[in-house]
Amino acid sequence: MTLKIESLIKSFNNFKLGPIDHEFNHGLNVITGSIGSGKTTLLNMISGLVKPDDGSIFFHNSLLNNILPENRKIGYLFQNNA
């Protein structure tokens, strides 16, 4: 299983995430960072809840950018259930 991110960018008002280039391989992968660093934004883009401004997301070499969230078969759990 491989999740590959190429030149992923997302901007909101005064915040810009990216460009991000990374490949997540099979096994445990961890995203860490301070509050406001873009961890949730990145996860939301991977899961399809937020569209990136630019860049590509691949899962098993298939482009996910235009795939609906419910068809991506990717999910995540929040740290807190707030």
C-alpha atoms as a PDB file:
ATOM      1  CA  MET A   1       0.000   0.000   0.000  1.00  0.00           C
ATOM      2  CA  THR A   2       1.436   3.348  -1.001  1.00  0.00           C
ATOM      3  CA  LEU A   3       0.030   6.825  -0.584  1.00  0.00           C
ATOM      4  CA  LYS A   4       2.006   9.390  -2.551  1.00  0.00           C
ATOM      5  CA  ILE A   5       1.635  13.160  -2.344  1.00  0.00           C
ATOM      6  CA  GLU A   6       3.183  15.364  -5.037  1.00  0.00           C
ATOM      7  CA  SER A   7       3.469  19.161  -4.761  1.00  0.00           C
ATOM      8  CA  LEU A   8       0.324  19.388  -2.607  1.00  0.00           C
ATOM      9  CA  ILE A   9      -0.714  22.962  -1.728  1.00  0.00           C
ATOM     10  CA  LYS A  10      -3.673  24.419   0.167  1.00  0.00           C
ATOM     11  CA  SER A  11      -4.210  28.025   1.266  1.00  0.00           C
ATOM     12  CA  PHE A  12      -6.764  29.555   3.629  1.00  0.00           C
ATOM     13  CA  ASN A  13      -6.659  33.334   4.245  1.00  0.00           C
ATOM     14  CA  ASN A  14      -3.276  33.829   6.018  1.00  0.00           C
ATOM     15  CA  PHE A  15      -2.307  30.124   6.063  1.00  0.00           C
ATOM     16  CA  LYS A  16      -0.487  28.166   3.374  1.00  0.00           C
ATOM     17  CA  LEU A  17       0.307  24.457   3.521  1.00  0.00           C
ATOM     18  CA  GLY A  18       2.898  23.083   1.151  1.00  0.00           C
ATOM     19  CA  PRO A  19       4.144  22.300  -1.250  1.00  0.00           C
ATOM     20  CA  ILE A  20       4.299  18.801   0.234  1.00  0.00           C
ATOM     21  CA  ASP A  21       6.019  15.861  -1.444  1.00  0.00           C
ATOM     22  CA  HIS A  22       5.933  12.624   0.515  1.00  0.00           C
ATOM     23  CA  GLU A  23       5.353   8.899   0.160  1.00  0.00           C
ATOM     24  CA  PHE A  24       3.669   6.916   2.923  1.00  0.00           C
ATOM     25  CA  ASN A  25       4.466   3.214   2.737  1.00  0.00           C
ATOM     26  CA  HIS A  26       2.829   0.179   4.299  1.00  0.00           C
ATOM     27  CA  GLY A  27       3.037   0.174   8.086  1.00  0.00           C
ATOM     28  CA  LEU A  28       2.628   2.792  10.731  1.00  0.00           C
ATOM     29  CA  ASN A  29       2.894   6.379   9.525  1.00  0.00           C
ATOM     30  CA  VAL A  30       2.682   9.376  11.846  1.00  0.00           C
ATOM     31  CA  ILE A  31       2.016  13.036  11.084  1.00  0.00           C
ATOM     32  CA  THR A  32       3.217  15.369  13.819  1.00  0.00           C
ATOM     33  CA  GLY A  33       3.418  19.118  14.191  1.00  0.00           C
ATOM     34  CA  SER A  34       2.417  22.036  16.329  1.00  0.00           C
ATOM     35  CA  ILE A  35      -1.098  23.426  16.556  1.00  0.00           C
ATOM     36  CA  GLY A  36      -2.011  25.137  13.303  1.00  0.00           C
ATOM     37  CA  SER A  37       0.737  23.488  11.255  1.00  0.00           C
ATOM     38  CA  GLY A  38      -1.700  21.839   8.809  1.00  0.00           C
ATOM     39  CA  LYS A  39      -1.942  18.230  10.035  1.00  0.00           C
ATOM     40  CA  THR A  40      -5.737  18.127   9.867  1.00  0.00           C
ATOM     41  CA  THR A  41      -5.783  19.998   6.554  1.00  0.00           C
ATOM     42  CA  LEU A  42      -3.412  17.405   5.092  1.00  0.00           C
ATOM     43  CA  LEU A  43      -5.571  14.528   6.371  1.00  0.00           C
ATOM     44  CA  ASN A  44      -8.709  16.223   5.045  1.00  0.00           C
ATOM     45  CA  MET A  45      -7.133  16.549   1.591  1.00  0.00           C
ATOM     46  CA  ILE A  46      -6.009  12.906   1.597  1.00  0.00           C
ATOM     47  CA  SER A  47      -9.494  11.732   2.606  1.00  0.00           C
ATOM     48  CA  GLY A  48     -11.166  14.040   0.063  1.00  0.00           C
ATOM     49  CA  LEU A  49     -12.969  16.326   2.499  1.00  0.00           C
ATOM     50  CA  VAL A  50     -10.912  19.334   1.315  1.00  0.00           C
ATOM     51  CA  LYS A  51      -9.748  19.885  -2.265  1.00  0.00           C
ATOM     52  CA  PRO A  52      -6.106  20.889  -2.708  1.00  0.00           C
ATOM     53  CA  ASP A  53      -5.339  24.121  -4.546  1.00  0.00           C
ATOM     54  CA  ASP A  54      -2.603  22.323  -6.464  1.00  0.00           C
ATOM     55  CA  GLY A  55      -0.758  19.026  -6.491  1.00  0.00           C
ATOM     56  CA  SER A  56      -1.694  15.363  -6.675  1.00  0.00           C
ATOM     57  CA  ILE A  57      -2.630  12.547  -4.309  1.00  0.00           C
ATOM     58  CA  PHE A  58      -2.047   8.963  -5.446  1.00  0.00           C
ATOM     59  CA  PHE A  59      -3.157   5.738  -3.744  1.00  0.00           C
ATOM     60  CA  HIS A  60      -1.866   2.505  -5.291  1.00  0.00           C
ATOM     61  CA  ASN A  61      -0.732   4.645  -8.277  1.00  0.00           C
ATOM     62  CA  SER A  62      -4.307   5.888  -8.908  1.00  0.00           C
ATOM     63  CA  LEU A  63      -4.936   9.638  -8.867  1.00  0.00           C
ATOM     64  CA  LEU A  64      -7.451  10.510  -6.136  1.00  0.00           C
ATOM     65  CA  ASN A  65      -7.901  14.239  -6.710  1.00  0.00           C
ATOM     66  CA  ASN A  66     -11.306  13.906  -8.415  1.00  0.00           C
ATOM     67  CA  ILE A  67     -12.525  10.825  -6.518  1.00  0.00           C
ATOM     68  CA  LEU A  68     -15.343  11.484  -4.034  1.00  0.00           C
ATOM     69  CA  PRO A  69     -14.472  10.913  -0.352  1.00  0.00           C
ATOM     70  CA  GLU A  70     -16.861   7.968  -0.031  1.00  0.00           C
ATOM     71  CA  ASN A  71     -15.174   6.216  -2.968  1.00  0.00           C
ATOM     72  CA  ARG A  72     -11.567   6.668  -1.762  1.00  0.00           C
ATOM     73  CA  LYS A  73     -11.719   3.946   0.905  1.00  0.00           C
ATOM     74  CA  ILE A  74      -9.523   6.129   3.114  1.00  0.00           C
ATOM     75  CA  GLY A  75     -10.475   7.336   6.560  1.00  0.00           C
ATOM     76  CA  TYR A  76      -8.947   8.599   9.756  1.00  0.00           C
ATOM     77  CA  LEU A  77      -9.809   8.999  13.401  1.00  0.00           C
ATOM     78  CA  PHE A  78      -9.508  12.235  15.310  1.00  0.00           C
ATOM     79  CA  GLN A  79      -7.324  12.272  18.391  1.00  0.00           C
ATOM     80  CA  ASN A  80     -10.208  13.710  20.411  1.00  0.00           C
ATOM     81  CA  ASN A  81     -13.862  13.003  19.743  1.00  0.00           C
ATOM     82  CA  ALA A  82     -14.872  16.661  20.158  1.00  0.00           C
END
